[in-house]
Amino acid sequence: FFKELNNMPMSTTWVFIGLLAGRELGMRIRAQEGSAKLA
């Protein structure tokens, strides 16, 4: 999507770190795990 958006270079590292962060947080919240694992 961002490749087709425009020719401006971007940090794919930031995209990937965001992806892992959202995935990890979503899994923890959905599993209703304790505050220690969420922290």
PDB file of all heavy atoms in Angstrom:
ATOM      1  N   PHE A   1       0.833  -1.209   0.000  1.00  0.00           N
ATOM      2  CA  PHE A   1       0.000   0.000   0.000  1.00  0.00           C
ATOM      3  C   PHE A   1       0.866   1.257   0.000  1.00  0.00           C
ATOM      4  O   PHE A   1       0.657   2.182  -0.792  1.00  0.00           O
ATOM      5  CB  PHE A   1      -0.928  -0.004   1.218  1.00  0.00           C
ATOM      6  CG  PHE A   1      -1.635   1.311   1.436  1.00  0.00           C
ATOM      7  CD1 PHE A   1      -2.720   1.666   0.650  1.00  0.00           C
ATOM      8  CD2 PHE A   1      -1.200   2.196   2.410  1.00  0.00           C
ATOM      9  CE1 PHE A   1      -3.379   2.882   0.837  1.00  0.00           C
ATOM     10  CE2 PHE A   1      -1.839   3.409   2.610  1.00  0.00           C
ATOM     11  CZ  PHE A   1      -2.928   3.753   1.811  1.00  0.00           C
ATOM     12  N   PHE A   2       1.870   1.293   0.881  1.00  0.00           N
ATOM     13  CA  PHE A   2       2.714   2.483   0.963  1.00  0.00           C
ATOM     14  C   PHE A   2       3.655   2.607  -0.239  1.00  0.00           C
ATOM     15  O   PHE A   2       4.043   3.712  -0.612  1.00  0.00           O
ATOM     16  CB  PHE A   2       3.506   2.482   2.271  1.00  0.00           C
ATOM     17  CG  PHE A   2       2.685   2.910   3.452  1.00  0.00           C
ATOM     18  CD1 PHE A   2       2.155   1.971   4.323  1.00  0.00           C
ATOM     19  CD2 PHE A   2       2.423   4.245   3.685  1.00  0.00           C
ATOM     20  CE1 PHE A   2       1.380   2.361   5.404  1.00  0.00           C
ATOM     21  CE2 PHE A   2       1.649   4.654   4.761  1.00  0.00           C
ATOM     22  CZ  PHE A   2       1.124   3.708   5.626  1.00  0.00           C
ATOM     23  N   LYS A   3       3.998   1.473  -0.846  1.00  0.00           N
ATOM     24  CA  LYS A   3       4.805   1.513  -2.074  1.00  0.00           C
ATOM     25  C   LYS A   3       4.043   2.204  -3.189  1.00  0.00           C
ATOM     26  O   LYS A   3       4.603   3.004  -3.952  1.00  0.00           O
ATOM     27  CB  LYS A   3       5.171   0.090  -2.482  1.00  0.00           C
ATOM     28  CG  LYS A   3       5.807  -0.048  -3.864  1.00  0.00           C
ATOM     29  CD  LYS A   3       6.115  -1.499  -4.154  1.00  0.00           C
ATOM     30  CE  LYS A   3       6.493  -1.719  -5.615  1.00  0.00           C
ATOM     31  NZ  LYS A   3       5.361  -1.602  -6.538  1.00  0.00           N
ATOM     32  N   GLU A   4       2.739   1.922  -3.287  1.00  0.00           N
ATOM     33  CA  GLU A   4       1.920   2.520  -4.334  1.00  0.00           C
ATOM     34  C   GLU A   4       1.470   3.943  -3.996  1.00  0.00           C
ATOM     35  O   GLU A   4       1.054   4.696  -4.880  1.00  0.00           O
ATOM     36  CB  GLU A   4       0.673   1.645  -4.571  1.00  0.00           C
ATOM     37  CG  GLU A   4       0.978   0.238  -5.064  1.00  0.00           C
ATOM     38  CD  GLU A   4       1.688   0.249  -6.410  1.00  0.00           C
ATOM     39  OE1 GLU A   4       1.261   1.002  -7.303  1.00  0.00           O
ATOM     40  OE2 GLU A   4       2.675  -0.491  -6.553  1.00  0.00           O
ATOM     41  N   LEU A   5       1.567   4.338  -2.732  1.00  0.00           N
ATOM     42  CA  LEU A   5       1.081   5.648  -2.298  1.00  0.00           C
ATOM     43  C   LEU A   5       1.845   6.781  -2.973  1.00  0.00           C
ATOM     44  O   LEU A   5       1.252   7.689  -3.560  1.00  0.00           O
ATOM     45  CB  LEU A   5       1.197   5.765  -0.769  1.00  0.00           C
ATOM     46  CG  LEU A   5       0.582   7.006  -0.128  1.00  0.00           C
ATOM     47  CD1 LEU A   5      -0.923   7.040  -0.344  1.00  0.00           C
ATOM     48  CD2 LEU A   5       0.901   7.030   1.383  1.00  0.00           C
ATOM     49  N   ASN A   6       3.175   6.746  -2.887  1.00  0.00           N
ATOM     50  CA  ASN A   6       4.022   7.737  -3.564  1.00  0.00           C
ATOM     51  C   ASN A   6       5.453   7.224  -3.579  1.00  0.00           C
ATOM     52  O   ASN A   6       5.755   6.165  -3.011  1.00  0.00           O
ATOM     53  CB  ASN A   6       3.939   9.126  -2.896  1.00  0.00           C
ATOM     54  CG  ASN A   6       4.294   9.091  -1.423  1.00  0.00           C
ATOM     55  OD1 ASN A   6       5.290   8.495  -1.017  1.00  0.00           O
ATOM     56  ND2 ASN A   6       3.459   9.722  -0.608  1.00  0.00           N
ATOM     57  N   ASN A   7       6.355   7.988  -4.218  1.00  0.00           N
ATOM     58  CA  ASN A   7       7.744   7.567  -4.356  1.00  0.00           C
ATOM     59  C   ASN A   7       8.630   7.970  -3.188  1.00  0.00           C
ATOM     60  O   ASN A   7       9.828   7.681  -3.198  1.00  0.00           O
ATOM     61  CB  ASN A   7       8.345   8.141  -5.647  1.00  0.00           C
ATOM     62  CG  ASN A   7       7.861   7.410  -6.885  1.00  0.00           C
ATOM     63  OD1 ASN A   7       7.436   6.255  -6.797  1.00  0.00           O
ATOM     64  ND2 ASN A   7       7.888   8.065  -8.022  1.00  0.00           N
ATOM     65  N   MET A   8       8.082   8.657  -2.201  1.00  0.00           N
ATOM     66  CA  MET A   8       8.882   9.080  -1.047  1.00  0.00           C
ATOM     67  C   MET A   8       9.389   7.856  -0.281  1.00  0.00           C
ATOM     68  O   MET A   8       8.590   6.989   0.092  1.00  0.00           O
ATOM     69  CB  MET A   8       8.046   9.971  -0.129  1.00  0.00           C
ATOM     70  CG  MET A   8       8.751  10.370   1.175  1.00  0.00           C
ATOM     71  SD  MET A   8      10.247  11.352   0.909  1.00  0.00           S
ATOM     72  CE  MET A   8       9.530  12.902   0.323  1.00  0.00           C
ATOM     73  N   PRO A   9      10.705   7.744  -0.026  1.00  0.00           N
ATOM     74  CA  PRO A   9      11.204   6.620   0.779  1.00  0.00           C
ATOM     75  C   PRO A   9      10.614   6.664   2.192  1.00  0.00           C
ATOM     76  O   PRO A   9      10.245   7.719   2.701  1.00  0.00           O
ATOM     77  CB  PRO A   9      12.725   6.868   0.827  1.00  0.00           C
ATOM     78  CG  PRO A   9      13.012   7.760  -0.335  1.00  0.00           C
ATOM     79  CD  PRO A   9      11.794   8.619  -0.498  1.00  0.00           C
ATOM     80  N   MET A  10      10.537   5.495   2.819  1.00  0.00           N
ATOM     81  CA  MET A  10      10.011   5.427   4.189  1.00  0.00           C
ATOM     82  C   MET A  10      10.781   4.361   4.952  1.00  0.00           C
ATOM     83  O   MET A  10      11.468   3.521   4.364  1.00  0.00           O
ATOM     84  CB  MET A  10       8.522   5.088   4.189  1.00  0.00           C
ATOM     85  CG  MET A  10       8.217   3.682   3.721  1.00  0.00           C
ATOM     86  SD  MET A  10       6.466   3.229   3.786  1.00  0.00           S
ATOM     87  CE  MET A  10       6.172   3.256   5.546  1.00  0.00           C
ATOM     88  N   SER A  11      10.652   4.395   6.273  1.00  0.00           N
ATOM     89  CA  SER A  11      11.311   3.405   7.107  1.00  0.00           C
ATOM     90  C   SER A  11      10.435   2.165   7.235  1.00  0.00           C
ATOM     91  O   SER A  11       9.409   2.186   7.922  1.00  0.00           O
ATOM     92  CB  SER A  11      11.595   3.979   8.504  1.00  0.00           C
ATOM     93  OG  SER A  11      12.025   2.949   9.368  1.00  0.00           O
ATOM     94  N   THR A  12      10.851   1.082   6.585  1.00  0.00           N
ATOM     95  CA  THR A  12      10.110  -0.169   6.728  1.00  0.00           C
ATOM     96  C   THR A  12      10.327  -0.767   8.118  1.00  0.00           C
ATOM     97  O   THR A  12       9.509  -1.558   8.588  1.00  0.00           O
ATOM     98  CB  THR A  12      10.549  -1.175   5.649  1.00  0.00           C
ATOM     99  OG1 THR A  12      11.969  -1.335   5.696  1.00  0.00           O
ATOM    100  CG2 THR A  12      10.151  -0.700   4.266  1.00  0.00           C
ATOM    101  N   THR A  13      11.447  -0.393   8.763  1.00  0.00           N
ATOM    102  CA  THR A  13      11.692  -0.857  10.133  1.00  0.00           C
ATOM    103  C   THR A  13      10.586  -0.392  11.061  1.00  0.00           C
ATOM    104  O   THR A  13      10.089  -1.155  11.891  1.00  0.00           O
ATOM    105  CB  THR A  13      13.043  -0.325  10.645  1.00  0.00           C
ATOM    106  OG1 THR A  13      14.087  -0.746   9.770  1.00  0.00           O
ATOM    107  CG2 THR A  13      13.336  -0.829  12.047  1.00  0.00           C
ATOM    108  N   TRP A  14      10.170   0.867  10.923  1.00  0.00           N
ATOM    109  CA  TRP A  14       9.111   1.394  11.773  1.00  0.00           C
ATOM    110  C   TRP A  14       7.799   0.654  11.535  1.00  0.00           C
ATOM    111  O   TRP A  14       7.052   0.393  12.463  1.00  0.00           O
ATOM    112  CB  TRP A  14       8.935   2.901  11.520  1.00  0.00           C
ATOM    113  CG  TRP A  14       9.983   3.737  12.168  1.00  0.00           C
ATOM    114  CD1 TRP A  14      11.304   3.434  12.313  1.00  0.00           C
ATOM    115  CD2 TRP A  14       9.804   5.028  12.772  1.00  0.00           C
ATOM    116  NE1 TRP A  14      11.964   4.453  12.948  1.00  0.00           N
ATOM    117  CE2 TRP A  14      11.078   5.441  13.243  1.00  0.00           C
ATOM    118  CE3 TRP A  14       8.719   5.867  12.934  1.00  0.00           C
ATOM    119  CZ2 TRP A  14      11.259   6.659  13.883  1.00  0.00           C
ATOM    120  CZ3 TRP A  14       8.907   7.087  13.577  1.00  0.00           C
ATOM    121  CH2 TRP A  14      10.172   7.477  14.045  1.00  0.00           C
ATOM    122  N   VAL A  15       7.527   0.326  10.279  1.00  0.00           N
ATOM    123  CA  VAL A  15       6.305  -0.407   9.953  1.00  0.00           C
ATOM    124  C   VAL A  15       6.340  -1.788  10.615  1.00  0.00           C
ATOM    125  O   VAL A  15       5.353  -2.225  11.225  1.00  0.00           O
ATOM    126  CB  VAL A  15       6.139  -0.553   8.426  1.00  0.00           C
ATOM    127  CG1 VAL A  15       4.914  -1.400   8.096  1.00  0.00           C
ATOM    128  CG2 VAL A  15       6.017   0.813   7.766  1.00  0.00           C
ATOM    129  N   PHE A  16       7.467  -2.460  10.516  1.00  0.00           N
ATOM    130  CA  PHE A  16       7.568  -3.815  11.061  1.00  0.00           C
ATOM    131  C   PHE A  16       7.499  -3.814  12.585  1.00  0.00           C
ATOM    132  O   PHE A  16       6.836  -4.667  13.193  1.00  0.00           O
ATOM    133  CB  PHE A  16       8.874  -4.474  10.608  1.00  0.00           C
ATOM    134  CG  PHE A  16       8.972  -5.913  10.990  1.00  0.00           C
ATOM    135  CD1 PHE A  16       8.151  -6.861  10.405  1.00  0.00           C
ATOM    136  CD2 PHE A  16       9.884  -6.330  11.944  1.00  0.00           C
ATOM    137  CE1 PHE A  16       8.230  -8.196  10.763  1.00  0.00           C
ATOM    138  CE2 PHE A  16       9.975  -7.666  12.310  1.00  0.00           C
ATOM    139  CZ  PHE A  16       9.147  -8.597  11.718  1.00  0.00           C
ATOM    140  N   ILE A  17       8.180  -2.865  13.221  1.00  0.00           N
ATOM    141  CA  ILE A  17       8.133  -2.761  14.683  1.00  0.00           C
ATOM    142  C   ILE A  17       6.700  -2.483  15.140  1.00  0.00           C
ATOM    143  O   ILE A  17       6.226  -3.025  16.142  1.00  0.00           O
ATOM    144  CB  ILE A  17       9.086  -1.647  15.171  1.00  0.00           C
ATOM    145  CG1 ILE A  17      10.551  -2.033  14.909  1.00  0.00           C
ATOM    146  CG2 ILE A  17       8.891  -1.375  16.658  1.00  0.00           C
ATOM    147  CD1 ILE A  17      11.027  -3.260  15.625  1.00  0.00           C
ATOM    148  N   GLY A  18       5.991  -1.631  14.388  1.00  0.00           N
ATOM    149  CA  GLY A  18       4.586  -1.358  14.704  1.00  0.00           C
ATOM    150  C   GLY A  18       3.725  -2.596  14.568  1.00  0.00           C
ATOM    151  O   GLY A  18       2.827  -2.851  15.392  1.00  0.00           O
ATOM    152  N   LEU A  19       3.992  -3.396  13.538  1.00  0.00           N
ATOM    153  CA  LEU A  19       3.244  -4.635  13.317  1.00  0.00           C
ATOM    154  C   LEU A  19       3.439  -5.612  14.475  1.00  0.00           C
ATOM    155  O   LEU A  19       2.470  -6.171  15.011  1.00  0.00           O
ATOM    156  CB  LEU A  19       3.695  -5.276  11.999  1.00  0.00           C
ATOM    157  CG  LEU A  19       3.168  -6.668  11.676  1.00  0.00           C
ATOM    158  CD1 LEU A  19       1.662  -6.654  11.526  1.00  0.00           C
ATOM    159  CD2 LEU A  19       3.826  -7.212  10.414  1.00  0.00           C
ATOM    160  N   LEU A  20       4.692  -5.838  14.872  1.00  0.00           N
ATOM    161  CA  LEU A  20       4.964  -6.752  15.978  1.00  0.00           C
ATOM    162  C   LEU A  20       4.349  -6.252  17.286  1.00  0.00           C
ATOM    163  O   LEU A  20       3.838  -7.034  18.088  1.00  0.00           O
ATOM    164  CB  LEU A  20       6.478  -6.930  16.159  1.00  0.00           C
ATOM    165  CG  LEU A  20       7.222  -7.773  15.118  1.00  0.00           C
ATOM    166  CD1 LEU A  20       8.680  -7.921  15.516  1.00  0.00           C
ATOM    167  CD2 LEU A  20       6.585  -9.137  14.933  1.00  0.00           C
ATOM    168  N   ALA A  21       4.409  -4.925  17.497  1.00  0.00           N
ATOM    169  CA  ALA A  21       3.867  -4.346  18.730  1.00  0.00           C
ATOM    170  C   ALA A  21       2.353  -4.541  18.794  1.00  0.00           C
ATOM    171  O   ALA A  21       1.812  -4.967  19.829  1.00  0.00           O
ATOM    172  CB  ALA A  21       4.219  -2.862  18.806  1.00  0.00           C
ATOM    173  N   GLY A  22       1.657  -4.227  17.700  1.00  0.00           N
ATOM    174  CA  GLY A  22       0.198  -4.396  17.675  1.00  0.00           C
ATOM    175  C   GLY A  22      -0.208  -5.839  17.839  1.00  0.00           C
ATOM    176  O   GLY A  22      -1.183  -6.156  18.548  1.00  0.00           O
ATOM    177  N   ARG A  23       0.530  -6.745  17.206  1.00  0.00           N
ATOM    178  CA  ARG A  23       0.239  -8.177  17.309  1.00  0.00           C
ATOM    179  C   ARG A  23       0.419  -8.661  18.743  1.00  0.00           C
ATOM    180  O   ARG A  23      -0.451  -9.346  19.299  1.00  0.00           O
ATOM    181  CB  ARG A  23       1.183  -8.946  16.372  1.00  0.00           C
ATOM    182  CG  ARG A  23       1.158 -10.454  16.544  1.00  0.00           C
ATOM    183  CD  ARG A  23       2.228 -11.091  15.664  1.00  0.00           C
ATOM    184  NE  ARG A  23       2.259 -12.532  15.834  1.00  0.00           N
ATOM    185  CZ  ARG A  23       2.996 -13.166  16.746  1.00  0.00           C
ATOM    186  NH1 ARG A  23       3.746 -12.464  17.581  1.00  0.00           N
ATOM    187  NH2 ARG A  23       2.980 -14.481  16.823  1.00  0.00           N
ATOM    188  N   GLU A  24       1.549  -8.297  19.347  1.00  0.00           N
ATOM    189  CA  GLU A  24       1.850  -8.752  20.704  1.00  0.00           C
ATOM    190  C   GLU A  24       0.809  -8.240  21.694  1.00  0.00           C
ATOM    191  O   GLU A  24       0.309  -8.985  22.543  1.00  0.00           O
ATOM    192  CB  GLU A  24       3.253  -8.271  21.102  1.00  0.00           C
ATOM    193  CG  GLU A  24       3.884  -9.041  22.242  1.00  0.00           C
ATOM    194  CD  GLU A  24       4.427 -10.402  21.828  1.00  0.00           C
ATOM    195  OE1 GLU A  24       4.446 -10.709  20.625  1.00  0.00           O
ATOM    196  OE2 GLU A  24       4.806 -11.163  22.723  1.00  0.00           O
ATOM    197  N   LEU A  25       0.456  -6.966  21.578  1.00  0.00           N
ATOM    198  CA  LEU A  25      -0.521  -6.365  22.493  1.00  0.00           C
ATOM    199  C   LEU A  25      -1.913  -6.978  22.295  1.00  0.00           C
ATOM    200  O   LEU A  25      -2.616  -7.285  23.269  1.00  0.00           O
ATOM    201  CB  LEU A  25      -0.569  -4.851  22.286  1.00  0.00           C
ATOM    202  CG  LEU A  25      -1.479  -4.066  23.244  1.00  0.00           C
ATOM    203  CD1 LEU A  25      -1.045  -4.269  24.683  1.00  0.00           C
ATOM    204  CD2 LEU A  25      -1.479  -2.582  22.888  1.00  0.00           C
ATOM    205  N   GLY A  26      -2.313  -7.170  21.041  1.00  0.00           N
ATOM    206  CA  GLY A  26      -3.614  -7.773  20.754  1.00  0.00           C
ATOM    207  C   GLY A  26      -3.740  -9.163  21.326  1.00  0.00           C
ATOM    208  O   GLY A  26      -4.780  -9.540  21.898  1.00  0.00           O
ATOM    209  N   MET A  27      -2.670  -9.969  21.206  1.00  0.00           N
ATOM    210  CA  MET A  27      -2.690 -11.335  21.731  1.00  0.00           C
ATOM    211  C   MET A  27      -2.823 -11.340  23.251  1.00  0.00           C
ATOM    212  O   MET A  27      -3.549 -12.146  23.826  1.00  0.00           O
ATOM    213  CB  MET A  27      -1.414 -12.077  21.306  1.00  0.00           C
ATOM    214  CG  MET A  27      -1.354 -12.420  19.823  1.00  0.00           C
ATOM    215  SD  MET A  27       0.252 -13.100  19.339  1.00  0.00           S
ATOM    216  CE  MET A  27       0.280 -14.621  20.257  1.00  0.00           C
ATOM    217  N   ARG A  28      -2.099 -10.413  23.908  1.00  0.00           N
ATOM    218  CA  ARG A  28      -2.132 -10.359  25.375  1.00  0.00           C
ATOM    219  C   ARG A  28      -3.502  -9.917  25.886  1.00  0.00           C
ATOM    220  O   ARG A  28      -4.035 -10.470  26.843  1.00  0.00           O
ATOM    221  CB  ARG A  28      -1.054  -9.399  25.892  1.00  0.00           C
ATOM    222  CG  ARG A  28       0.374  -9.820  25.596  1.00  0.00           C
ATOM    223  CD  ARG A  28       0.708 -11.155  26.195  1.00  0.00           C
ATOM    224  NE  ARG A  28       2.092 -11.521  25.928  1.00  0.00           N
ATOM    225  CZ  ARG A  28       2.585 -12.742  26.054  1.00  0.00           C
ATOM    226  NH1 ARG A  28       1.777 -13.729  26.425  1.00  0.00           N
ATOM    227  NH2 ARG A  28       3.845 -13.002  25.805  1.00  0.00           N
ATOM    228  N   ILE A  29      -4.068  -8.895  25.257  1.00  0.00           N
ATOM    229  CA  ILE A  29      -5.369  -8.384  25.695  1.00  0.00           C
ATOM    230  C   ILE A  29      -6.455  -9.444  25.481  1.00  0.00           C
ATOM    231  O   ILE A  29      -7.297  -9.681  26.338  1.00  0.00           O
ATOM    232  CB  ILE A  29      -5.723  -7.081  24.947  1.00  0.00           C
ATOM    233  CG1 ILE A  29      -4.759  -5.956  25.355  1.00  0.00           C
ATOM    234  CG2 ILE A  29      -7.160  -6.659  25.232  1.00  0.00           C
ATOM    235  CD1 ILE A  29      -4.927  -4.680  24.552  1.00  0.00           C
ATOM    236  N   ARG A  30      -6.431 -10.077  24.319  1.00  0.00           N
ATOM    237  CA  ARG A  30      -7.466 -11.071  23.984  1.00  0.00           C
ATOM    238  C   ARG A  30      -7.393 -12.280  24.914  1.00  0.00           C
ATOM    239  O   ARG A  30      -8.411 -12.870  25.257  1.00  0.00           O
ATOM    240  CB  ARG A  30      -7.281 -11.532  22.530  1.00  0.00           C
ATOM    241  CG  ARG A  30      -8.492 -12.265  21.985  1.00  0.00           C
ATOM    242  CD  ARG A  30      -9.620 -11.295  21.714  1.00  0.00           C
ATOM    243  NE  ARG A  30     -10.768 -11.925  21.104  1.00  0.00           N
ATOM    244  CZ  ARG A  30     -11.743 -12.546  21.777  1.00  0.00           C
ATOM    245  NH1 ARG A  30     -11.705 -12.623  23.086  1.00  0.00           N
ATOM    246  NH2 ARG A  30     -12.766 -13.065  21.134  1.00  0.00           N
ATOM    247  N   ALA A  31      -6.172 -12.620  25.348  1.00  0.00           N
ATOM    248  CA  ALA A  31      -6.005 -13.768  26.242  1.00  0.00           C
ATOM    249  C   ALA A  31      -6.352 -13.429  27.683  1.00  0.00           C
ATOM    250  O   ALA A  31      -6.380 -14.316  28.537  1.00  0.00           O
ATOM    251  CB  ALA A  31      -4.571 -14.281  26.167  1.00  0.00           C
ATOM    252  N   GLN A  32      -6.607 -12.129  27.957  1.00  0.00           N
ATOM    253  CA  GLN A  32      -6.964 -11.656  29.294  1.00  0.00           C
ATOM    254  C   GLN A  32      -5.942 -12.111  30.331  1.00  0.00           C
ATOM    255  O   GLN A  32      -6.284 -12.633  31.401  1.00  0.00           O
ATOM    256  CB  GLN A  32      -8.371 -12.127  29.674  1.00  0.00           C
ATOM    257  CG  GLN A  32      -9.461 -11.566  28.782  1.00  0.00           C
ATOM    258  CD  GLN A  32     -10.853 -12.045  29.193  1.00  0.00           C
ATOM    259  OE1 GLN A  32     -10.998 -13.044  29.872  1.00  0.00           O
ATOM    260  NE2 GLN A  32     -11.867 -11.304  28.777  1.00  0.00           N
ATOM    261  N   GLU A  33      -4.673 -11.904  29.976  1.00  0.00           N
ATOM    262  CA  GLU A  33      -3.594 -12.316  30.879  1.00  0.00           C
ATOM    263  C   GLU A  33      -3.383 -11.263  31.954  1.00  0.00           C
ATOM    264  O   GLU A  33      -3.851 -10.134  31.850  1.00  0.00           O
ATOM    265  CB  GLU A  33      -2.316 -12.565  30.078  1.00  0.00           C
ATOM    266  CG  GLU A  33      -2.455 -13.764  29.159  1.00  0.00           C
ATOM    267  CD  GLU A  33      -1.203 -14.007  28.331  1.00  0.00           C
ATOM    268  OE1 GLU A  33      -0.428 -13.053  28.156  1.00  0.00           O
ATOM    269  OE2 GLU A  33      -1.015 -15.142  27.855  1.00  0.00           O
ATOM    270  N   GLY A  34      -2.639 -11.620  32.978  1.00  0.00           N
ATOM    271  CA  GLY A  34      -2.421 -10.740  34.120  1.00  0.00           C
ATOM    272  C   GLY A  34      -1.650  -9.483  33.779  1.00  0.00           C
ATOM    273  O   GLY A  34      -1.054  -9.352  32.706  1.00  0.00           O
ATOM    274  N   SER A  35      -1.651  -8.572  34.737  1.00  0.00           N
ATOM    275  CA  SER A  35      -1.002  -7.276  34.533  1.00  0.00           C
ATOM    276  C   SER A  35       0.504  -7.415  34.355  1.00  0.00           C
ATOM    277  O   SER A  35       1.145  -6.602  33.687  1.00  0.00           O
ATOM    278  CB  SER A  35      -1.306  -6.349  35.711  1.00  0.00           C
ATOM    279  OG  SER A  35      -0.892  -6.947  36.934  1.00  0.00           O
ATOM    280  N   ALA A  36       1.094  -8.459  34.954  1.00  0.00           N
ATOM    281  CA  ALA A  36       2.547  -8.651  34.842  1.00  0.00           C
ATOM    282  C   ALA A  36       2.947  -8.912  33.391  1.00  0.00           C
ATOM    283  O   ALA A  36       3.908  -8.322  32.886  1.00  0.00           O
ATOM    284  CB  ALA A  36       2.987  -9.812  35.724  1.00  0.00           C
ATOM    285  N   LYS A  37       2.202  -9.802  32.702  1.00  0.00           N
ATOM    286  CA  LYS A  37       2.525 -10.102  31.301  1.00  0.00           C
ATOM    287  C   LYS A  37       2.212  -8.923  30.397  1.00  0.00           C
ATOM    288  O   LYS A  37       2.907  -8.673  29.411  1.00  0.00           O
ATOM    289  CB  LYS A  37       1.753 -11.342  30.836  1.00  0.00           C
ATOM    290  CG  LYS A  37       2.292 -12.634  31.425  1.00  0.00           C
ATOM    291  CD  LYS A  37       1.722 -13.856  30.739  1.00  0.00           C
ATOM    292  CE  LYS A  37       2.362 -15.125  31.265  1.00  0.00           C
ATOM    293  NZ  LYS A  37       1.836 -16.342  30.593  1.00  0.00           N
ATOM    294  N   LEU A  38       1.158  -8.178  30.739  1.00  0.00           N
ATOM    295  CA  LEU A  38       0.817  -6.987  29.965  1.00  0.00           C
ATOM    296  C   LEU A  38       1.903  -5.934  30.118  1.00  0.00           C
ATOM    297  O   LEU A  38       2.287  -5.262  29.145  1.00  0.00           O
ATOM    298  CB  LEU A  38      -0.535  -6.439  30.427  1.00  0.00           C
ATOM    299  CG  LEU A  38      -1.364  -5.664  29.395  1.00  0.00           C
ATOM    300  CD1 LEU A  38      -1.628  -6.509  28.158  1.00  0.00           C
ATOM    301  CD2 LEU A  38      -2.683  -5.209  30.009  1.00  0.00           C
ATOM    302  N   ALA A  39       2.414  -5.803  31.334  1.00  0.00           N
ATOM    303  CA  ALA A  39       3.507  -4.845  31.588  1.00  0.00           C
ATOM    304  C   ALA A  39       4.761  -5.241  30.809  1.00  0.00           C
ATOM    305  O   ALA A  39       5.473  -4.385  30.272  1.00  0.00           O
ATOM    306  CB  ALA A  39       3.807  -4.784  33.077  1.00  0.00           C
TER     307      ALA A  39
END
